[in-house]
Amino acid sequence: MVRLLSVLLFALWLQGGGSQKAAPVAASSELSYAADGQMKFPANYREWIYLTSGLGMNYNPGTPPDHPMFDNVFVNPSAYKAFLQTGTWPDKTVIVLEVRGSETKASIDQSGHSQSPELMGVEVHVKDEARLPGKWGFFEFGDSATTAKVIARPATCYTCHEAHGAVDTTFVQFYPTLIGLAQAKKTLSPEYLKERPATAKPASGTKY
């Protein structure tokens, strides 16, 4: 009887927060590597969480391209759920950026741009603290590639993200449904806060 009471009290203590909760970790099944250490292409990424799209984005000043490209961003579902809880990305986060061409006057469209069916390229940003130097790594998948090597440091993709990323070296500032949450959770990086104009309005409380 005494033993049963002790077990029940211990269970109540755990439910009440008596032990520290582990940090969220994304599902390892959404990130896998081949025997030679190269990352396997996440073929079902389009079934993941859609974050944003951009058209003709360029981080360097200059003349806009005549044929701007679309980019679409997706993240693995378990990482997204963890971000909603904490305002930052857990270990095993996988962010996929796909690039597609743009078309004008496709079908009945007379003035805007629409995405072309042709896939121009895929870049993957991975957080794997045990495997990757600096915790994050970039992988570029060429035409029909099923695996890719991590891009070696230093490279401009790393320095740019580390200097300008809004949350944990990622461009959450371009993810309209997450930037407000990151601000509310106070996880915006000092680098991003320095660059944000002083007159910028706080992000509104978006429902997620």
N, C-alpha and C. Protein backbone atom coordinates (compact mmCIF):
# COMPACT_ATOMS: atom_id res chain seq x y z
N MET A 1 0.83 -1.20 0.00
CA MET A 1 0.00 0.00 0.00
C MET A 1 0.87 1.26 0.00
N VAL A 2 1.90 1.25 0.83
CA VAL A 2 2.80 2.39 0.90
C VAL A 2 3.52 2.58 -0.43
N ARG A 3 3.92 1.44 -1.05
CA ARG A 3 4.62 1.51 -2.34
C ARG A 3 3.70 2.11 -3.40
N LEU A 4 2.42 1.69 -3.43
CA LEU A 4 1.47 2.20 -4.42
C LEU A 4 1.26 3.69 -4.23
N LEU A 5 1.14 4.14 -2.97
CA LEU A 5 0.96 5.56 -2.69
C LEU A 5 2.17 6.36 -3.16
N SER A 6 3.37 5.82 -2.97
CA SER A 6 4.59 6.52 -3.40
C SER A 6 4.62 6.68 -4.91
N VAL A 7 4.20 5.62 -5.62
CA VAL A 7 4.18 5.68 -7.09
C VAL A 7 3.19 6.73 -7.57
N LEU A 8 2.02 6.77 -6.94
CA LEU A 8 1.00 7.75 -7.33
C LEU A 8 1.48 9.18 -7.06
N LEU A 9 2.12 9.41 -5.94
CA LEU A 9 2.62 10.75 -5.62
C LEU A 9 3.71 11.17 -6.59
N PHE A 10 4.56 10.22 -6.97
CA PHE A 10 5.63 10.53 -7.93
C PHE A 10 5.05 10.90 -9.29
N ALA A 11 3.99 10.19 -9.70
CA ALA A 11 3.34 10.49 -10.99
C ALA A 11 2.72 11.88 -10.96
N LEU A 12 2.09 12.24 -9.86
CA LEU A 12 1.51 13.58 -9.75
C LEU A 12 2.59 14.65 -9.77
N TRP A 13 3.71 14.37 -9.15
CA TRP A 13 4.84 15.32 -9.15
C TRP A 13 5.34 15.57 -10.56
N LEU A 14 5.44 14.52 -11.38
CA LEU A 14 5.88 14.67 -12.76
C LEU A 14 4.89 15.49 -13.56
N GLN A 15 3.59 15.22 -13.40
CA GLN A 15 2.57 15.96 -14.13
C GLN A 15 2.58 17.43 -13.76
N GLY A 16 2.95 17.72 -12.55
CA GLY A 16 2.96 19.10 -12.09
C GLY A 16 4.22 19.86 -12.48
N GLY A 17 5.10 19.22 -13.25
CA GLY A 17 6.32 19.91 -13.68
C GLY A 17 7.49 19.69 -12.77
N GLY A 18 7.44 18.61 -11.95
CA GLY A 18 8.53 18.36 -11.03
C GLY A 18 9.84 18.05 -11.72
N SER A 19 9.77 17.53 -12.94
CA SER A 19 11.00 17.26 -13.68
C SER A 19 11.06 18.18 -14.88
N GLN A 20 12.26 18.56 -15.27
CA GLN A 20 12.44 19.48 -16.38
C GLN A 20 12.12 18.78 -17.69
N LYS A 21 11.31 19.42 -18.54
CA LYS A 21 10.93 18.84 -19.82
C LYS A 21 12.08 18.95 -20.80
N ALA A 22 12.26 17.90 -21.60
CA ALA A 22 13.30 17.90 -22.61
C ALA A 22 12.94 18.84 -23.74
N ALA A 23 13.95 19.42 -24.38
CA ALA A 23 13.71 20.31 -25.50
C ALA A 23 13.12 19.52 -26.65
N PRO A 24 12.16 20.10 -27.39
CA PRO A 24 11.55 19.39 -28.51
C PRO A 24 12.60 18.99 -29.54
N VAL A 25 12.42 17.83 -30.11
CA VAL A 25 13.30 17.33 -31.17
C VAL A 25 12.43 16.87 -32.32
N ALA A 26 12.77 17.27 -33.55
CA ALA A 26 12.00 16.85 -34.70
C ALA A 26 12.20 15.37 -34.96
N ALA A 27 11.28 14.78 -35.69
CA ALA A 27 11.33 13.35 -35.96
C ALA A 27 12.53 13.01 -36.84
N SER A 28 13.33 12.05 -36.38
CA SER A 28 14.51 11.66 -37.15
C SER A 28 14.13 10.98 -38.45
N SER A 29 12.90 10.42 -38.54
CA SER A 29 12.47 9.74 -39.76
C SER A 29 12.32 10.71 -40.92
N GLU A 30 12.22 12.02 -40.64
CA GLU A 30 12.09 13.02 -41.70
C GLU A 30 13.45 13.47 -42.23
N LEU A 31 14.51 12.96 -41.63
CA LEU A 31 15.88 13.27 -42.03
C LEU A 31 16.68 11.99 -42.02
N SER A 32 17.28 11.64 -43.15
CA SER A 32 18.06 10.40 -43.20
C SER A 32 19.27 10.57 -44.09
N TYR A 33 20.27 9.72 -43.86
CA TYR A 33 21.53 9.78 -44.58
C TYR A 33 21.85 8.42 -45.20
N ALA A 34 22.58 8.47 -46.30
CA ALA A 34 23.05 7.25 -46.94
C ALA A 34 24.26 6.71 -46.19
N ALA A 35 24.71 5.52 -46.57
CA ALA A 35 25.83 4.88 -45.88
C ALA A 35 27.11 5.70 -45.98
N ASP A 36 27.25 6.48 -47.05
CA ASP A 36 28.46 7.30 -47.22
C ASP A 36 28.36 8.65 -46.53
N GLY A 37 27.27 8.89 -45.78
CA GLY A 37 27.11 10.13 -45.02
C GLY A 37 26.37 11.23 -45.75
N GLN A 38 26.08 11.04 -47.03
CA GLN A 38 25.34 12.06 -47.76
C GLN A 38 23.87 12.05 -47.35
N MET A 39 23.26 13.23 -47.40
CA MET A 39 21.85 13.34 -47.05
C MET A 39 20.97 12.77 -48.15
N LYS A 40 19.96 12.03 -47.75
CA LYS A 40 19.00 11.51 -48.72
C LYS A 40 17.95 12.58 -49.04
N PHE A 41 17.57 12.67 -50.30
CA PHE A 41 16.60 13.67 -50.73
C PHE A 41 15.24 13.38 -50.09
N PRO A 42 14.62 14.38 -49.43
CA PRO A 42 13.30 14.17 -48.82
C PRO A 42 12.20 14.23 -49.88
N ALA A 43 11.96 13.12 -50.53
CA ALA A 43 11.10 13.10 -51.71
C ALA A 43 9.67 13.56 -51.45
N ASN A 44 9.20 13.41 -50.23
CA ASN A 44 7.81 13.79 -49.92
C ASN A 44 7.70 15.18 -49.30
N TYR A 45 8.70 16.05 -49.53
CA TYR A 45 8.70 17.35 -48.85
C TYR A 45 7.46 18.19 -49.18
N ARG A 46 6.86 17.96 -50.33
CA ARG A 46 5.67 18.74 -50.67
C ARG A 46 4.43 18.34 -49.87
N GLU A 47 4.56 17.31 -49.07
CA GLU A 47 3.50 16.92 -48.13
C GLU A 47 3.75 17.54 -46.75
N TRP A 48 4.85 18.30 -46.62
CA TRP A 48 5.20 18.94 -45.35
C TRP A 48 4.47 20.28 -45.20
N ILE A 49 4.87 21.06 -44.22
CA ILE A 49 4.24 22.35 -43.92
C ILE A 49 4.78 23.42 -44.86
N TYR A 50 3.89 24.07 -45.57
CA TYR A 50 4.27 25.18 -46.45
C TYR A 50 4.47 26.44 -45.62
N LEU A 51 5.58 27.15 -45.85
CA LEU A 51 5.90 28.35 -45.07
C LEU A 51 5.73 29.65 -45.86
N THR A 52 6.23 29.68 -47.09
CA THR A 52 6.17 30.95 -47.83
C THR A 52 6.59 30.73 -49.28
N SER A 53 6.36 31.76 -50.10
CA SER A 53 6.87 31.82 -51.47
C SER A 53 7.45 33.20 -51.71
N GLY A 54 8.44 33.27 -52.60
CA GLY A 54 9.01 34.55 -52.99
C GLY A 54 9.11 34.61 -54.51
N LEU A 55 9.17 35.81 -55.05
CA LEU A 55 9.30 35.99 -56.49
C LEU A 55 10.42 36.98 -56.77
N GLY A 56 11.44 36.53 -57.48
CA GLY A 56 12.54 37.40 -57.87
C GLY A 56 13.34 37.95 -56.73
N MET A 57 13.42 37.23 -55.61
CA MET A 57 14.15 37.73 -54.45
C MET A 57 15.66 37.71 -54.72
N ASN A 58 16.32 38.79 -54.31
CA ASN A 58 17.76 38.93 -54.51
C ASN A 58 18.32 39.70 -53.32
N TYR A 59 19.32 39.15 -52.66
CA TYR A 59 19.87 39.78 -51.46
C TYR A 59 20.96 40.79 -51.77
N ASN A 60 21.25 40.99 -53.06
CA ASN A 60 22.25 41.98 -53.46
C ASN A 60 21.59 43.06 -54.31
N PRO A 61 21.97 44.33 -54.12
CA PRO A 61 21.38 45.39 -54.92
C PRO A 61 21.75 45.23 -56.39
N GLY A 62 20.85 45.63 -57.25
CA GLY A 62 21.11 45.52 -58.68
C GLY A 62 19.83 45.53 -59.47
N THR A 63 19.94 45.36 -60.76
CA THR A 63 18.78 45.38 -61.64
C THR A 63 18.00 44.08 -61.48
N PRO A 64 16.69 44.17 -61.29
CA PRO A 64 15.87 42.96 -61.17
C PRO A 64 15.97 42.13 -62.45
N PRO A 65 15.93 40.81 -62.33
CA PRO A 65 16.03 39.96 -63.52
C PRO A 65 14.80 40.10 -64.42
N ASP A 66 15.02 39.88 -65.72
CA ASP A 66 13.91 39.94 -66.67
C ASP A 66 12.92 38.80 -66.44
N HIS A 67 13.44 37.68 -66.00
CA HIS A 67 12.59 36.51 -65.76
C HIS A 67 12.77 36.07 -64.31
N PRO A 68 12.04 36.68 -63.38
CA PRO A 68 12.21 36.35 -61.95
C PRO A 68 11.81 34.91 -61.67
N MET A 69 12.48 34.34 -60.67
CA MET A 69 12.22 32.97 -60.26
C MET A 69 11.34 32.94 -59.02
N PHE A 70 10.53 31.91 -58.91
CA PHE A 70 9.76 31.66 -57.70
C PHE A 70 10.56 30.74 -56.78
N ASP A 71 10.45 30.98 -55.48
CA ASP A 71 10.94 29.98 -54.53
C ASP A 71 9.83 29.66 -53.54
N ASN A 72 9.71 28.41 -53.18
CA ASN A 72 8.71 27.91 -52.23
C ASN A 72 9.44 27.21 -51.10
N VAL A 73 8.98 27.43 -49.87
CA VAL A 73 9.68 26.91 -48.69
C VAL A 73 8.75 25.99 -47.90
N PHE A 74 9.29 24.83 -47.52
CA PHE A 74 8.56 23.84 -46.74
C PHE A 74 9.42 23.39 -45.56
N VAL A 75 8.79 22.94 -44.47
CA VAL A 75 9.53 22.44 -43.31
C VAL A 75 8.88 21.15 -42.83
N ASN A 76 9.70 20.26 -42.26
CA ASN A 76 9.14 19.00 -41.77
C ASN A 76 8.15 19.25 -40.64
N PRO A 77 7.05 18.50 -40.62
CA PRO A 77 5.95 18.77 -39.68
C PRO A 77 6.35 18.77 -38.21
N SER A 78 7.21 17.85 -37.78
CA SER A 78 7.55 17.81 -36.36
C SER A 78 8.35 19.04 -35.94
N ALA A 79 9.18 19.57 -36.85
CA ALA A 79 9.92 20.79 -36.52
C ALA A 79 8.97 21.98 -36.43
N TYR A 80 7.99 22.02 -37.30
CA TYR A 80 7.01 23.10 -37.27
C TYR A 80 6.23 23.10 -35.96
N LYS A 81 5.82 21.93 -35.52
CA LYS A 81 5.08 21.84 -34.26
C LYS A 81 5.94 22.32 -33.08
N ALA A 82 7.22 21.96 -33.12
CA ALA A 82 8.11 22.40 -32.05
C ALA A 82 8.30 23.91 -32.08
N PHE A 83 8.38 24.49 -33.29
CA PHE A 83 8.54 25.94 -33.41
C PHE A 83 7.32 26.66 -32.81
N LEU A 84 6.14 26.12 -33.03
CA LEU A 84 4.94 26.74 -32.46
C LEU A 84 5.00 26.78 -30.94
N GLN A 85 5.66 25.81 -30.33
CA GLN A 85 5.77 25.75 -28.88
C GLN A 85 6.85 26.67 -28.33
N THR A 86 7.97 26.77 -29.06
CA THR A 86 9.15 27.42 -28.50
C THR A 86 9.57 28.70 -29.21
N GLY A 87 9.15 28.88 -30.47
CA GLY A 87 9.60 30.04 -31.23
C GLY A 87 10.97 29.87 -31.85
N THR A 88 11.49 28.64 -31.83
CA THR A 88 12.78 28.36 -32.48
C THR A 88 12.76 26.95 -33.01
N TRP A 89 13.80 26.60 -33.78
CA TRP A 89 13.82 25.30 -34.46
C TRP A 89 14.52 24.24 -33.61
N PRO A 90 13.95 23.04 -33.56
CA PRO A 90 14.58 21.96 -32.79
C PRO A 90 15.65 21.25 -33.61
N ASP A 91 16.38 20.38 -32.96
CA ASP A 91 17.32 19.52 -33.68
C ASP A 91 16.54 18.65 -34.66
N LYS A 92 17.15 18.35 -35.81
CA LYS A 92 16.58 17.56 -36.91
C LYS A 92 15.54 18.35 -37.71
N THR A 93 15.63 19.68 -37.66
CA THR A 93 14.80 20.51 -38.54
C THR A 93 15.29 20.37 -39.98
N VAL A 94 14.35 20.29 -40.92
CA VAL A 94 14.68 20.20 -42.35
C VAL A 94 13.83 21.24 -43.09
N ILE A 95 14.48 22.27 -43.62
CA ILE A 95 13.80 23.33 -44.37
C ILE A 95 14.18 23.19 -45.84
N VAL A 96 13.17 23.03 -46.69
CA VAL A 96 13.39 22.80 -48.12
C VAL A 96 12.97 24.03 -48.91
N LEU A 97 13.88 24.52 -49.75
CA LEU A 97 13.59 25.62 -50.67
C LEU A 97 13.66 25.08 -52.09
N GLU A 98 12.52 25.12 -52.80
CA GLU A 98 12.52 24.71 -54.20
C GLU A 98 12.40 25.95 -55.08
N VAL A 99 13.05 25.92 -56.23
CA VAL A 99 13.07 27.05 -57.15
C VAL A 99 12.37 26.64 -58.44
N ARG A 100 11.44 27.48 -58.90
CA ARG A 100 10.72 27.24 -60.14
C ARG A 100 10.75 28.50 -61.00
N GLY A 101 10.62 28.32 -62.29
CA GLY A 101 10.55 29.45 -63.20
C GLY A 101 9.22 30.16 -63.09
N SER A 102 9.16 31.36 -63.66
CA SER A 102 7.90 32.12 -63.67
C SER A 102 7.43 32.29 -65.11
N GLU A 103 6.13 32.37 -65.26
CA GLU A 103 5.51 32.53 -66.57
C GLU A 103 4.59 33.74 -66.55
N THR A 104 4.43 34.38 -67.68
CA THR A 104 3.48 35.48 -67.83
C THR A 104 2.46 35.10 -68.89
N LYS A 105 1.26 35.58 -68.67
CA LYS A 105 0.15 35.32 -69.59
C LYS A 105 -0.06 33.83 -69.84
N ALA A 106 0.10 33.05 -68.77
CA ALA A 106 -0.20 31.63 -68.84
C ALA A 106 -1.71 31.43 -68.72
N SER A 107 -2.26 30.63 -69.59
CA SER A 107 -3.70 30.38 -69.60
C SER A 107 -4.46 31.70 -69.70
N ILE A 108 -5.33 32.02 -68.75
CA ILE A 108 -6.15 33.23 -68.85
C ILE A 108 -5.53 34.42 -68.12
N ASP A 109 -4.36 34.23 -67.49
CA ASP A 109 -3.70 35.33 -66.78
C ASP A 109 -3.18 36.37 -67.78
N GLN A 110 -3.45 37.65 -67.50
CA GLN A 110 -3.07 38.71 -68.41
C GLN A 110 -2.01 39.67 -67.86
N SER A 111 -1.72 39.63 -66.56
CA SER A 111 -0.81 40.65 -66.03
C SER A 111 0.17 40.16 -64.98
N GLY A 112 -0.07 39.05 -64.32
CA GLY A 112 0.79 38.64 -63.22
C GLY A 112 1.80 37.58 -63.62
N HIS A 113 2.36 36.92 -62.61
CA HIS A 113 3.31 35.83 -62.81
C HIS A 113 2.75 34.56 -62.17
N SER A 114 2.92 33.45 -62.83
CA SER A 114 2.56 32.16 -62.26
C SER A 114 3.77 31.24 -62.32
N GLN A 115 3.74 30.19 -61.52
CA GLN A 115 4.88 29.29 -61.44
C GLN A 115 4.84 28.27 -62.58
N SER A 116 6.01 27.99 -63.10
CA SER A 116 6.11 26.99 -64.17
C SER A 116 6.23 25.60 -63.56
N PRO A 117 5.83 24.58 -64.28
CA PRO A 117 5.95 23.21 -63.77
C PRO A 117 7.40 22.77 -63.60
N GLU A 118 8.31 23.38 -64.34
CA GLU A 118 9.70 22.95 -64.31
C GLU A 118 10.36 23.30 -62.99
N LEU A 119 10.97 22.30 -62.36
CA LEU A 119 11.70 22.50 -61.12
C LEU A 119 13.15 22.84 -61.46
N MET A 120 13.60 24.03 -61.01
CA MET A 120 14.94 24.52 -61.37
C MET A 120 16.02 24.07 -60.39
N GLY A 121 15.64 23.79 -59.16
CA GLY A 121 16.63 23.37 -58.17
C GLY A 121 16.01 23.25 -56.79
N VAL A 122 16.70 22.54 -55.90
CA VAL A 122 16.25 22.34 -54.52
C VAL A 122 17.44 22.51 -53.59
N GLU A 123 17.26 23.35 -52.57
CA GLU A 123 18.27 23.55 -51.54
C GLU A 123 17.65 23.21 -50.19
N VAL A 124 18.38 22.48 -49.36
CA VAL A 124 17.86 22.03 -48.08
C VAL A 124 18.76 22.55 -46.96
N HIS A 125 18.14 23.11 -45.94
CA HIS A 125 18.83 23.65 -44.76
C HIS A 125 18.49 22.75 -43.58
N VAL A 126 19.48 22.12 -43.01
CA VAL A 126 19.27 21.08 -42.00
C VAL A 126 19.93 21.45 -40.69
N LYS A 127 19.22 21.21 -39.60
CA LYS A 127 19.81 21.35 -38.26
C LYS A 127 20.06 19.96 -37.70
N ASP A 128 21.32 19.61 -37.57
CA ASP A 128 21.71 18.31 -37.03
C ASP A 128 22.92 18.55 -36.13
N GLU A 129 22.65 18.75 -34.86
CA GLU A 129 23.67 19.22 -33.93
C GLU A 129 24.82 18.24 -33.76
N ALA A 130 24.56 16.95 -33.85
CA ALA A 130 25.62 15.97 -33.64
C ALA A 130 26.48 15.76 -34.88
N ARG A 131 25.94 16.03 -36.05
CA ARG A 131 26.63 15.70 -37.29
C ARG A 131 27.27 16.91 -37.98
N LEU A 132 26.64 18.09 -37.90
CA LEU A 132 27.04 19.22 -38.72
C LEU A 132 27.80 20.28 -37.92
N PRO A 133 28.94 20.75 -38.40
CA PRO A 133 29.65 21.85 -37.74
C PRO A 133 28.77 23.10 -37.70
N GLY A 134 28.70 23.74 -36.55
CA GLY A 134 27.84 24.90 -36.42
C GLY A 134 26.37 24.55 -36.30
N LYS A 135 26.06 23.26 -36.17
CA LYS A 135 24.70 22.73 -35.98
C LYS A 135 23.86 22.72 -37.25
N TRP A 136 24.13 23.65 -38.19
CA TRP A 136 23.32 23.75 -39.41
C TRP A 136 24.18 23.44 -40.63
N GLY A 137 23.53 22.88 -41.67
CA GLY A 137 24.22 22.61 -42.91
C GLY A 137 23.31 22.80 -44.11
N PHE A 138 23.91 23.18 -45.24
CA PHE A 138 23.17 23.34 -46.49
C PHE A 138 23.51 22.19 -47.43
N PHE A 139 22.50 21.72 -48.15
CA PHE A 139 22.65 20.66 -49.14
C PHE A 139 21.96 21.09 -50.42
N GLU A 140 22.64 20.97 -51.55
CA GLU A 140 22.05 21.29 -52.85
C GLU A 140 21.85 20.01 -53.65
N PHE A 141 20.60 19.80 -54.08
CA PHE A 141 20.27 18.61 -54.85
C PHE A 141 20.12 19.00 -56.32
N GLY A 142 20.98 18.44 -57.13
CA GLY A 142 20.93 18.71 -58.57
C GLY A 142 19.79 17.96 -59.23
N ASP A 143 19.78 17.99 -60.53
CA ASP A 143 18.72 17.38 -61.31
C ASP A 143 18.62 15.88 -61.01
N SER A 144 17.49 15.48 -60.45
CA SER A 144 17.17 14.07 -60.15
C SER A 144 18.13 13.43 -59.15
N ALA A 145 18.89 14.23 -58.42
CA ALA A 145 19.81 13.67 -57.42
C ALA A 145 19.03 13.10 -56.24
N THR A 146 19.47 11.96 -55.77
CA THR A 146 18.82 11.33 -54.62
C THR A 146 19.59 11.54 -53.32
N THR A 147 20.86 11.96 -53.43
CA THR A 147 21.67 12.27 -52.25
C THR A 147 22.51 13.51 -52.54
N ALA A 148 23.00 14.15 -51.48
CA ALA A 148 23.84 15.34 -51.65
C ALA A 148 24.79 15.47 -50.48
N LYS A 149 26.00 16.00 -50.77
CA LYS A 149 26.96 16.29 -49.73
C LYS A 149 26.65 17.64 -49.10
N VAL A 150 27.03 17.80 -47.85
CA VAL A 150 26.85 19.09 -47.20
C VAL A 150 27.81 20.10 -47.82
N ILE A 151 27.34 21.32 -48.02
CA ILE A 151 28.21 22.39 -48.53
C ILE A 151 29.20 22.75 -47.43
N ALA A 152 30.47 22.76 -47.78
CA ALA A 152 31.52 22.99 -46.78
C ALA A 152 31.54 24.44 -46.34
N ARG A 153 31.88 24.63 -45.08
CA ARG A 153 32.12 25.97 -44.55
C ARG A 153 33.56 26.38 -44.84
N PRO A 154 33.84 27.67 -45.01
CA PRO A 154 32.86 28.76 -45.06
C PRO A 154 32.29 28.89 -46.47
N ALA A 155 31.04 29.28 -46.56
CA ALA A 155 30.38 29.55 -47.84
C ALA A 155 29.41 30.69 -47.60
N THR A 156 29.08 31.41 -48.65
CA THR A 156 28.25 32.60 -48.47
C THR A 156 26.87 32.28 -47.90
N CYS A 157 26.35 31.08 -48.17
CA CYS A 157 25.04 30.74 -47.62
C CYS A 157 25.08 30.74 -46.09
N TYR A 158 26.20 30.27 -45.50
CA TYR A 158 26.32 30.27 -44.05
C TYR A 158 26.49 31.68 -43.49
N THR A 159 27.42 32.42 -44.07
CA THR A 159 27.69 33.76 -43.54
C THR A 159 26.48 34.68 -43.68
N CYS A 160 25.75 34.54 -44.76
CA CYS A 160 24.56 35.37 -44.96
C CYS A 160 23.48 35.05 -43.94
N HIS A 161 23.22 33.76 -43.74
CA HIS A 161 22.19 33.36 -42.78
C HIS A 161 22.58 33.72 -41.35
N GLU A 162 23.85 33.56 -41.03
CA GLU A 162 24.29 33.89 -39.68
C GLU A 162 24.25 35.39 -39.42
N ALA A 163 24.44 36.19 -40.45
CA ALA A 163 24.45 37.65 -40.29
C ALA A 163 23.06 38.26 -40.34
N HIS A 164 22.10 37.59 -40.97
CA HIS A 164 20.80 38.22 -41.22
C HIS A 164 19.58 37.40 -40.79
N GLY A 165 19.77 36.13 -40.44
CA GLY A 165 18.62 35.29 -40.09
C GLY A 165 17.89 35.78 -38.86
N ALA A 166 16.57 35.78 -38.92
CA ALA A 166 15.77 36.31 -37.82
C ALA A 166 15.72 35.37 -36.62
N VAL A 167 15.77 34.06 -36.87
CA VAL A 167 15.71 33.08 -35.78
C VAL A 167 16.68 31.94 -36.07
N ASP A 168 17.65 31.76 -35.21
CA ASP A 168 18.56 30.62 -35.30
C ASP A 168 19.14 30.46 -36.71
N THR A 169 19.61 31.53 -37.28
CA THR A 169 20.24 31.61 -38.61
C THR A 169 19.31 31.24 -39.75
N THR A 170 18.00 31.30 -39.55
CA THR A 170 17.04 31.03 -40.62
C THR A 170 16.24 32.29 -40.92
N PHE A 171 15.75 32.40 -42.15
CA PHE A 171 15.08 33.62 -42.59
C PHE A 171 13.59 33.62 -42.24
N VAL A 172 13.32 33.53 -40.95
CA VAL A 172 11.94 33.55 -40.48
C VAL A 172 11.27 34.89 -40.80
N GLN A 173 12.07 35.94 -41.05
CA GLN A 173 11.49 37.24 -41.41
C GLN A 173 10.67 37.16 -42.70
N PHE A 174 10.89 36.10 -43.49
CA PHE A 174 10.14 35.92 -44.73
C PHE A 174 9.02 34.90 -44.58
N TYR A 175 8.80 34.42 -43.36
CA TYR A 175 7.73 33.45 -43.10
C TYR A 175 6.60 34.17 -42.37
N PRO A 176 5.58 34.66 -43.06
CA PRO A 176 4.61 35.57 -42.46
C PRO A 176 3.81 34.98 -41.31
N THR A 177 3.65 33.67 -41.26
CA THR A 177 2.87 33.09 -40.16
C THR A 177 3.72 32.75 -38.94
N LEU A 178 5.05 32.94 -39.03
CA LEU A 178 5.92 32.59 -37.90
C LEU A 178 6.65 33.78 -37.29
N ILE A 179 6.83 34.87 -38.04
CA ILE A 179 7.61 35.98 -37.52
C ILE A 179 6.95 36.60 -36.29
N GLY A 180 5.63 36.70 -36.28
CA GLY A 180 4.94 37.25 -35.11
C GLY A 180 5.09 36.36 -33.90
N LEU A 181 5.05 35.06 -34.11
CA LEU A 181 5.23 34.12 -33.01
C LEU A 181 6.63 34.23 -32.43
N ALA A 182 7.64 34.33 -33.31
CA ALA A 182 9.01 34.47 -32.82
C ALA A 182 9.18 35.74 -32.01
N GLN A 183 8.53 36.80 -32.44
CA GLN A 183 8.60 38.06 -31.69
C GLN A 183 7.96 37.90 -30.32
N ALA A 184 6.80 37.23 -30.29
CA ALA A 184 6.11 37.02 -29.01
C ALA A 184 6.91 36.13 -28.07
N LYS A 185 7.64 35.16 -28.63
CA LYS A 185 8.45 34.25 -27.82
C LYS A 185 9.83 34.83 -27.49
N LYS A 186 10.11 36.01 -28.06
CA LYS A 186 11.39 36.70 -27.84
C LYS A 186 12.58 35.85 -28.30
N THR A 187 12.44 35.26 -29.49
CA THR A 187 13.52 34.45 -30.03
C THR A 187 14.17 35.10 -31.25
N LEU A 188 13.82 36.34 -31.57
CA LEU A 188 14.44 37.04 -32.69
C LEU A 188 15.91 37.29 -32.38
N SER A 189 16.77 37.10 -33.37
CA SER A 189 18.21 37.22 -33.16
C SER A 189 18.63 38.68 -33.02
N PRO A 190 19.71 38.94 -32.29
CA PRO A 190 20.23 40.31 -32.18
C PRO A 190 20.61 40.89 -33.55
N GLU A 191 21.11 40.03 -34.45
CA GLU A 191 21.49 40.50 -35.78
C GLU A 191 20.29 41.03 -36.54
N TYR A 192 19.19 40.30 -36.46
CA TYR A 192 17.98 40.74 -37.16
C TYR A 192 17.41 42.00 -36.52
N LEU A 193 17.41 42.07 -35.22
CA LEU A 193 16.85 43.23 -34.53
C LEU A 193 17.64 44.50 -34.84
N LYS A 194 18.95 44.37 -35.04
CA LYS A 194 19.76 45.53 -35.41
C LYS A 194 19.40 46.05 -36.79
N GLU A 195 19.07 45.14 -37.70
CA GLU A 195 18.77 45.53 -39.08
C GLU A 195 17.35 46.03 -39.26
N ARG A 196 16.45 45.60 -38.39
CA ARG A 196 15.05 45.98 -38.55
C ARG A 196 14.90 47.48 -38.31
N PRO A 197 14.22 48.19 -39.22
CA PRO A 197 14.07 49.63 -39.04
C PRO A 197 13.39 49.96 -37.72
N ALA A 198 13.82 51.05 -37.10
CA ALA A 198 13.24 51.45 -35.82
C ALA A 198 11.77 51.77 -35.94
N THR A 199 11.34 52.14 -37.15
CA THR A 199 9.93 52.49 -37.36
C THR A 199 9.07 51.29 -37.70
N ALA A 200 9.68 50.10 -37.77
CA ALA A 200 8.91 48.91 -38.14
C ALA A 200 7.87 48.61 -37.08
N LYS A 201 6.68 48.25 -37.54
CA LYS A 201 5.61 47.93 -36.61
C LYS A 201 5.80 46.51 -36.10
N PRO A 202 5.44 46.25 -34.83
CA PRO A 202 5.53 44.88 -34.33
C PRO A 202 4.64 43.97 -35.15
N ALA A 203 5.09 42.73 -35.34
CA ALA A 203 4.27 41.78 -36.09
C ALA A 203 2.98 41.51 -35.35
N SER A 204 1.90 41.44 -36.08
CA SER A 204 0.59 41.22 -35.47
C SER A 204 0.48 39.79 -34.98
N GLY A 205 -0.45 39.57 -34.07
CA GLY A 205 -0.66 38.24 -33.53
C GLY A 205 -1.40 37.36 -34.50
N THR A 206 -0.66 36.66 -35.34
CA THR A 206 -1.27 35.77 -36.31
C THR A 206 -1.72 34.49 -35.65
N LYS A 207 -2.85 33.95 -36.11
CA LYS A 207 -3.31 32.67 -35.63
C LYS A 207 -2.62 31.58 -36.44
N TYR A 208 -2.09 30.56 -35.74
CA TYR A 208 -1.28 29.56 -36.42
C TYR A 208 -2.01 28.24 -36.53
